Protein backbone atom coordinates (compact mmCIF):
# COMPACT_ATOMS: atom_id res chain seq x y z
CA MET A 1 16.21 12.72 -1.87
CA VAL A 2 18.34 10.94 -4.07
CA TYR A 3 21.90 8.95 -4.05
CA GLU A 4 22.75 7.74 -7.28
CA ASN A 5 19.36 7.72 -7.91
CA LYS A 6 18.72 5.05 -5.91
CA PRO A 7 15.14 6.04 -3.70
CA VAL A 8 15.69 5.37 0.48
CA ILE A 9 13.25 2.63 1.17
CA GLY A 10 12.15 2.60 4.76
CA PHE A 11 10.91 -0.78 6.51
CA THR A 12 8.83 -1.38 9.72
CA CYS A 13 9.14 -4.12 11.12
CA GLY A 14 5.15 -5.07 12.18
CA ASP A 15 4.54 -7.18 15.10
CA THR A 16 7.72 -8.35 16.61
CA ASN A 17 5.80 -11.73 16.98
CA GLY A 18 5.05 -11.93 13.19
CA ILE A 19 6.69 -13.09 10.43
CA GLY A 20 7.47 -8.81 9.14
CA ILE A 21 11.00 -9.81 10.09
CA GLU A 22 11.47 -12.80 8.64
CA LEU A 23 9.87 -11.56 5.38
CA ILE A 24 12.48 -8.50 5.43
CA ILE A 25 15.15 -10.11 6.18
CA LYS A 26 14.35 -12.71 3.21
CA THR A 27 13.69 -10.25 0.87
CA LEU A 28 16.86 -8.16 1.17
CA SER A 29 19.41 -10.73 1.33
CA ASP A 30 18.95 -10.94 -2.18
CA ALA A 31 22.13 -8.25 -2.67
CA ARG A 32 20.37 -6.79 -6.23
CA LEU A 33 17.72 -4.86 -4.45
CA LEU A 34 20.86 -2.53 -3.25
CA GLU A 35 21.19 -1.76 -6.82
CA ILE A 36 17.86 -0.02 -7.01
CA CYS A 37 17.54 1.37 -3.36
CA THR A 38 18.66 1.61 -0.16
CA PRO A 39 16.53 0.12 2.77
CA VAL A 40 16.45 1.16 6.24
CA ILE A 41 14.74 -1.60 8.52
CA PHE A 42 13.20 0.58 11.64
CA ALA A 43 13.52 -2.25 14.47
CA ASN A 44 16.31 -3.13 16.52
CA ASN A 45 19.97 -5.12 16.06
CA LYS A 46 19.15 -8.06 18.21
CA VAL A 47 15.11 -8.54 17.40
CA ILE A 48 16.57 -9.07 13.63
CA ASN A 49 19.32 -11.37 14.65
CA PHE A 50 17.00 -13.34 16.52
CA TYR A 51 15.27 -14.37 13.48
CA ARG A 52 18.29 -14.51 11.07
CA LYS A 53 19.52 -17.19 13.77
CA ASN A 54 16.10 -18.71 12.36
CA LEU A 55 17.21 -18.96 8.94
CA PRO A 56 20.66 -20.29 8.69
CA ASP A 57 20.68 -20.43 4.92
CA ILE A 58 20.25 -16.93 4.41
CA ASN A 59 23.16 -14.85 3.86
CA PHE A 60 22.28 -11.71 5.63
CA SER A 61 24.35 -8.42 6.83
CA PHE A 62 23.37 -5.37 7.91
CA SER A 63 25.65 -1.45 9.31
CA ALA A 64 23.74 -0.59 12.50
CA VAL A 65 22.51 3.11 12.70
CA LYS A 66 21.79 5.84 15.37
CA ASP A 67 20.93 8.79 12.74
CA SER A 68 18.41 8.29 9.99
CA SER A 69 20.30 11.01 8.07
CA ARG A 70 23.47 8.89 8.02
CA ILE A 71 22.98 5.69 6.26
CA ASN A 72 24.94 3.64 4.16
CA HIS A 73 23.69 3.74 0.87
CA LYS A 74 25.77 0.85 -0.01
CA GLN A 75 24.30 -1.49 2.76
CA VAL A 76 20.86 -2.53 4.73
CA ASN A 77 20.75 -0.48 7.65
CA VAL A 78 18.67 -0.61 10.63
CA TYR A 79 17.96 2.37 12.93
CA ASN A 80 17.83 1.21 16.32
CA CYS A 81 14.24 2.49 17.65
CA TRP A 82 14.51 1.50 20.72
CA GLU A 83 17.75 -0.12 22.92
CA GLU A 84 16.13 -2.57 25.71
CA ASP A 85 15.63 -6.02 25.64
CA ILE A 86 12.04 -7.95 24.73
CA VAL A 87 10.76 -11.22 24.95
CA MET A 88 10.32 -12.66 21.78
CA GLU A 89 7.49 -15.04 21.70
CA PRO A 90 6.54 -15.87 17.55
CA GLY A 91 3.07 -16.61 16.75
CA GLN A 92 1.63 -15.22 20.47
CA LEU A 93 -0.60 -12.16 20.59
CA THR A 94 1.28 -10.34 23.31
CA GLU A 95 1.57 -6.37 24.40
CA THR A 96 4.92 -6.02 23.46
CA GLY A 97 4.46 -7.04 19.71
CA GLY A 98 2.41 -4.37 19.65
CA LYS A 99 4.18 -1.85 21.71
CA TYR A 100 7.11 -2.19 19.46
CA ALA A 101 5.32 -2.64 16.36
CA VAL A 102 3.70 0.70 16.98
CA ALA A 103 7.39 2.17 17.66
CA SER A 104 8.56 1.10 14.79
CA LEU A 105 5.63 2.76 12.50
CA THR A 106 5.46 6.02 14.38
CA ILE A 107 9.40 6.49 13.98
CA ALA A 108 9.23 5.68 10.45
CA THR A 109 6.51 7.50 9.62
CA GLU A 110 8.49 10.62 10.96
CA ALA A 111 11.15 10.37 9.01
CA LEU A 112 9.21 9.72 5.91
CA LYS A 113 7.44 12.85 6.54
CA SER A 114 10.43 14.71 7.23
CA GLY A 115 11.63 14.05 4.01
CA LYS A 116 14.52 11.09 4.97
CA LEU A 117 12.84 8.44 3.10
CA ASP A 118 11.45 8.31 -0.27
CA GLY A 119 8.83 5.56 0.65
CA LEU A 120 7.99 3.21 3.24
CA ILE A 121 7.15 -1.00 3.28
CA THR A 122 4.70 -1.75 6.51
CA ALA A 123 5.56 -5.32 7.92
CA PRO A 124 2.23 -6.45 8.79
CA LEU A 125 0.64 -5.63 12.75
CA HIS A 126 -2.33 -7.26 14.41
CA LYS A 127 -4.96 -4.94 14.79
CA LYS A 128 -5.89 -5.62 19.07
CA ASN A 129 -2.45 -5.53 20.18
CA ILE A 130 -1.50 -2.27 19.07
CA GLN A 131 -4.57 -0.32 20.58
CA SER A 132 -3.87 1.89 23.31
CA GLU A 133 -4.51 5.73 24.22
CA ALA A 134 -2.03 7.17 22.68
CA PHE A 135 -2.73 5.42 19.11
CA ASN A 136 -6.31 4.66 18.71
CA PHE A 137 -6.37 3.17 14.39
CA THR A 138 -7.70 0.23 13.49
CA GLY A 139 -4.89 -0.22 10.78
CA HIS A 140 -2.09 1.77 9.23
CA THR A 141 -4.67 3.40 6.47
CA PRO A 142 -6.19 5.44 9.14
CA PHE A 143 -2.91 5.83 10.73
CA LEU A 144 -1.22 7.27 8.03
CA LYS A 145 -3.79 9.59 7.18
CA HIS A 146 -3.96 11.38 10.48
CA PHE A 147 -0.52 11.23 11.04
CA PHE A 148 -0.02 13.58 7.80
CA GLY A 149 -3.17 15.46 8.28
CA ILE A 150 -4.60 14.37 5.22
CA ARG A 151 -8.40 14.91 4.01
CA GLU A 152 -9.20 11.69 2.01
CA VAL A 153 -6.98 8.69 1.38
CA ALA A 154 -7.86 5.40 -0.47
CA MET A 155 -6.78 1.83 0.38
CA PHE A 156 -5.55 0.28 -2.72
CA MET A 157 -5.12 -3.23 -3.55
CA ILE A 158 -3.00 -3.53 -6.67
CA ALA A 159 -1.47 -6.31 -9.02
CA ASP A 160 -0.42 -6.62 -12.25
CA ASN A 161 -3.67 -7.09 -13.33
CA MET A 162 -6.05 -5.35 -11.03
CA ARG A 163 -6.29 -2.52 -8.99
CA ILE A 164 -9.14 -2.38 -5.84
CA ALA A 165 -10.01 1.12 -3.88
CA LEU A 166 -12.10 0.69 -1.33
CA LEU A 167 -14.80 3.08 0.04
CA THR A 168 -14.99 1.80 3.62
CA GLU A 169 -11.68 0.04 5.20
CA HIS A 170 -12.28 -2.02 8.35
CA VAL A 171 -15.61 -1.10 9.22
CA PRO A 172 -18.27 -4.02 10.35
CA LEU A 173 -20.51 -4.70 8.02
CA LYS A 174 -23.77 -3.57 9.97
CA ASP A 175 -22.19 -0.39 9.69
CA VAL A 176 -21.31 -0.02 6.15
CA ASN A 177 -24.51 1.51 4.79
CA GLN A 178 -23.68 5.16 6.91
CA TYR A 179 -20.44 5.40 4.61
CA ILE A 180 -22.54 4.88 1.73
CA THR A 181 -22.76 8.79 0.80
CA LYS A 182 -22.63 10.58 -2.52
CA GLU A 183 -19.76 13.01 -0.90
CA ASN A 184 -17.94 10.02 0.02
CA ILE A 185 -18.01 8.28 -3.32
CA PHE A 186 -16.89 11.40 -5.37
CA SER A 187 -14.51 12.03 -2.83
CA LYS A 188 -12.73 8.53 -2.68
CA LEU A 189 -13.38 8.59 -6.90
CA GLN A 190 -11.06 11.86 -6.60
CA VAL A 191 -8.61 10.78 -5.13
CA ILE A 192 -8.03 7.45 -7.04
CA ASN A 193 -8.67 9.24 -10.27
CA ASP A 194 -5.60 11.58 -9.27
CA SER A 195 -3.41 8.61 -8.11
CA LEU A 196 -3.90 6.78 -11.41
CA LYS A 197 -2.95 9.10 -13.05
CA LYS A 198 0.34 10.94 -11.12
CA ASP A 199 1.95 7.44 -9.53
CA PHE A 200 0.71 5.10 -12.58
CA GLY A 201 1.14 7.14 -15.52
CA ILE A 202 -2.52 6.55 -16.97
CA ASN A 203 -3.04 9.80 -19.03
CA LYS A 204 -6.74 9.32 -19.37
CA PRO A 205 -8.18 6.52 -16.71
CA LYS A 206 -11.04 4.48 -16.38
CA ILE A 207 -13.06 3.29 -13.40
CA ALA A 208 -15.45 0.71 -12.03
CA VAL A 209 -17.81 1.26 -9.10
CA LEU A 210 -19.58 -1.88 -7.40
CA GLY A 211 -22.88 -1.68 -6.02
CA LEU A 212 -23.84 -2.04 -3.46
CA ASN A 213 -26.32 -4.74 -3.16
CA PRO A 214 -27.25 -7.94 -4.31
CA HIS A 215 -27.16 -7.47 -8.47
CA ALA A 216 -26.34 -3.88 -8.09
CA GLY A 217 -29.67 -3.63 -6.79
CA ASP A 218 -31.99 -4.72 -8.76
CA GLU A 219 -33.41 -0.96 -10.10
CA GLY A 220 -34.08 -0.37 -6.74
CA LEU A 221 -36.20 -3.92 -6.19
CA VAL A 222 -33.19 -5.02 -3.44
CA GLY A 223 -32.04 -2.10 -2.44
CA LYS A 224 -32.16 1.48 -3.58
CA GLU A 225 -28.53 3.14 -2.77
CA GLU A 226 -27.54 2.15 -6.36
CA VAL A 227 -30.47 4.38 -7.73
CA GLU A 228 -30.40 7.23 -4.90
CA ILE A 229 -26.88 7.20 -4.06
CA ILE A 230 -24.44 5.67 -6.08
CA ARG A 231 -25.56 6.66 -9.71
CA PRO A 232 -25.81 10.33 -8.68
CA ALA A 233 -22.33 10.16 -7.53
CA ILE A 234 -21.17 8.73 -10.72
CA ARG A 235 -22.85 11.48 -12.46
CA GLU A 236 -21.33 14.25 -10.70
CA ALA A 237 -17.82 12.57 -11.33
CA LYS A 238 -18.06 12.64 -14.78
CA GLN A 239 -19.19 15.98 -14.98
CA ARG A 240 -15.99 16.89 -12.81
CA ASN A 241 -14.46 14.70 -16.03
CA ILE A 242 -13.94 11.46 -13.79
CA PHE A 243 -14.27 8.73 -16.52
CA CYS A 244 -16.29 6.50 -14.09
CA PHE A 245 -18.81 3.89 -14.75
CA GLY A 246 -21.43 1.31 -12.62
CA PRO A 247 -22.59 0.52 -10.71
CA TYR A 248 -21.97 -3.27 -11.57
CA SER A 249 -22.97 -6.11 -9.71
CA ALA A 250 -20.47 -7.27 -7.98
CA ASP A 251 -20.32 -11.02 -8.28
CA ALA A 252 -20.69 -10.87 -12.29
CA PHE A 253 -18.23 -8.22 -12.67
CA PHE A 254 -15.43 -10.20 -11.66
CA ALA A 255 -16.52 -13.82 -12.85
CA ARG A 256 -16.53 -12.18 -16.16
CA GLY A 257 -13.64 -10.53 -15.89
CA GLN A 258 -15.07 -7.34 -16.51
CA TYR A 259 -12.43 -5.72 -14.48
CA GLU A 260 -9.75 -6.50 -17.04
CA GLN A 261 -12.04 -3.63 -18.92
CA PHE A 262 -10.89 -0.81 -15.76
CA ASP A 263 -7.71 1.10 -14.46
CA ALA A 264 -9.53 0.85 -11.55
CA VAL A 265 -12.10 -0.32 -9.13
CA LEU A 266 -14.37 0.90 -6.05
CA ALA A 267 -15.21 -1.70 -3.87
CA LEU A 268 -17.89 -0.20 -1.45
CA TYR A 269 -16.83 -2.40 1.46
CA HIS A 270 -13.88 -4.98 2.88
CA ASP A 271 -14.65 -7.91 1.48
CA GLN A 272 -16.49 -7.21 -1.42
CA GLY A 273 -12.77 -5.91 -3.37
CA LEU A 274 -10.55 -8.12 -0.78
CA ILE A 275 -12.05 -11.50 -1.48
CA PRO A 276 -11.83 -11.45 -5.42
CA PHE A 277 -8.29 -9.34 -4.74
CA LYS A 278 -6.63 -12.17 -3.07
CA SER A 279 -8.11 -14.76 -4.98
CA LEU A 280 -6.99 -13.54 -8.06
CA ALA A 281 -4.28 -11.04 -7.48
CA PHE A 282 -2.41 -15.03 -7.18
CA GLY A 283 -0.13 -14.36 -4.16
CA GLU A 284 1.71 -10.98 -5.09
CA GLY A 285 -0.91 -8.19 -4.40
CA VAL A 286 0.36 -4.58 -2.62
CA ASN A 287 -1.39 -2.81 -0.10
CA TYR A 288 -1.16 0.48 -1.40
CA THR A 289 -2.33 3.77 0.36
CA ALA A 290 -3.09 6.43 -2.36
CA GLY A 291 -4.03 9.93 -1.42
CA LEU A 292 -0.79 10.68 1.09
CA PRO A 293 2.49 13.24 -0.42
CA ALA A 294 4.57 10.10 0.57
CA VAL A 295 4.36 6.57 -0.82
CA ARG A 296 3.57 3.68 1.55
CA THR A 297 2.93 0.11 0.64
CA SER A 298 2.97 -3.02 2.23
CA PRO A 299 2.53 -6.74 1.28
CA ASP A 300 -1.38 -7.59 1.13
CA HIS A 301 -1.16 -10.56 3.73
CA GLY A 302 -1.30 -10.25 7.81
CA VAL A 303 0.72 -11.16 10.73
CA ALA A 304 0.44 -14.94 9.83
CA TYR A 305 1.05 -16.40 13.70
CA ASP A 306 0.09 -19.64 13.01
CA ILE A 307 3.98 -19.87 11.25
CA ALA A 308 5.45 -16.96 12.52
CA GLY A 309 9.04 -18.11 13.44
CA LYS A 310 9.33 -21.18 11.25
CA GLY A 311 11.03 -19.94 8.52
CA THR A 312 8.60 -20.71 6.22
CA ALA A 313 6.53 -17.46 5.44
CA ASP A 314 6.40 -16.82 1.36
CA GLU A 315 8.01 -13.34 0.95
CA ALA A 316 6.58 -12.74 -2.59
CA SER A 317 4.14 -10.10 -1.88
CA PHE A 318 6.89 -8.32 0.34
CA ARG A 319 9.06 -8.09 -2.51
CA GLU A 320 6.22 -6.90 -4.71
CA ALA A 321 5.83 -4.08 -2.17
CA ILE A 322 8.99 -2.99 -2.50
CA TYR A 323 8.80 -3.22 -6.41
CA LYS A 324 5.67 -1.04 -6.36
CA CYS A 325 7.00 1.49 -3.87
CA ILE A 326 10.01 2.06 -6.41
CA ASP A 327 7.72 2.26 -9.37
CA ILE A 328 5.37 4.69 -7.65
CA ILE A 329 8.11 6.67 -6.31
CA ASN A 330 9.23 6.96 -10.32
CA ALA A 331 6.00 7.64 -11.38
CA ARG A 332 5.41 10.85 -9.24
CA ARG A 333 9.16 11.81 -10.44
CA GLU A 334 8.14 11.61 -13.99
CA TYR A 335 5.33 13.27 -13.22
CA ALA A 336 6.34 16.16 -11.65
CA GLU A 337 8.81 17.06 -14.26
CA GLN A 338 6.45 16.55 -16.90
CA ASN A 339 4.35 19.44 -15.21
CA LYS A 340 7.28 21.27 -15.40
CA ASN A 341 7.72 21.13 -18.58
CA PRO A 342 4.40 21.05 -20.85
CA LEU A 343 6.26 20.29 -24.09
CA ARG A 344 7.56 17.25 -22.63
CA LYS A 345 4.55 16.44 -21.17
CA LEU A 346 2.41 16.55 -24.80
CA SER A 347 5.36 15.07 -26.07
CA ALA A 348 5.22 12.41 -23.74
CA ALA A 349 1.32 11.65 -24.26
CA VAL A 350 2.04 11.70 -28.00
CA VAL A 351 4.97 9.24 -27.87
CA ALA A 352 3.53 6.83 -24.91
CA ASN A 353 0.51 5.25 -23.80
CA SER A 354 2.47 3.37 -20.75
CA VAL A 355 5.08 3.32 -18.02
CA ASP A 356 6.83 0.63 -20.04
CA GLU A 357 6.77 2.17 -23.02
CA ARG A 358 7.99 5.93 -21.50
CA ILE A 359 11.21 3.27 -20.09
CA SER A 360 11.83 1.96 -23.20
CA LEU A 361 12.09 5.09 -25.17
CA ASP A 362 14.38 6.94 -22.50
CA GLU A 363 16.66 3.63 -22.60
CA ASN A 364 16.86 4.04 -26.05
């Protein structure tokens, strides 16, 4: 889908009592973004106006639409996902906040799957108030995996200086060990490897795998998972032409800057990957769901109830999520074109080793 070569990007509102809508307004008030994408916010006019009034210094306008296939490519669009008035309680965990976050997400994802959107940015939601019989997911990643019917995806945290994927996502620490299997590690490495090629333009990705136990098990002295499971998975991946190494002791790996030598890192559980990422990504990290047929990104933070409605939320990560979404859409287009034309693919591999170099060559 192309309008003057601009991708159409959808935005979910997230928890209506969180900072999501404030971030959307702040970010999309910069008219320069309309030069690189067409935004469609999946929410409700009154909810948008509620938060806009709290930001008197922000110049933000939009066009209301009732059909996501008939949008204004020269303006921010708001697709009304519901008509009823709802009670806004910024900073509060309420059933209403979760109900309409799910409504926004579901309708936006339907538009993404049907091809009406080129990419999707999801604003933060709270895992507690989204739960229902109809929506029983611990977050965006498992929902998107289910919605698209994909066997395997990866929660991929990306920034300019690192990319960290998770083997397990929102799993209690006491249950992590049951997911540490050779099959799961290999499957995740396949998704990461494919994503690095297709979504980031890296011809021969180099992936690091972290260990589960302190000091990566110390050769079996403080845990045998590295010897019995993780190393065999890495060997199998190498046999399948996935360029991966490890397992590495997580503390030393980040403390010594070893992550800078790799195109991506596979962490085995949530905090093992997210603590160093959020410490080193300088507030501009992005959550990307690798393995989907469509592109979805989000900021790397939550609903931030403590500052919701106060106008103080920092939109840096949200803005970066838009840039990364567009970059990945363009990288996929380039990858598809190269695979249609083997000579072009060969030429690109010879003359360029990075996305930035290819862009420079195209401009010249």
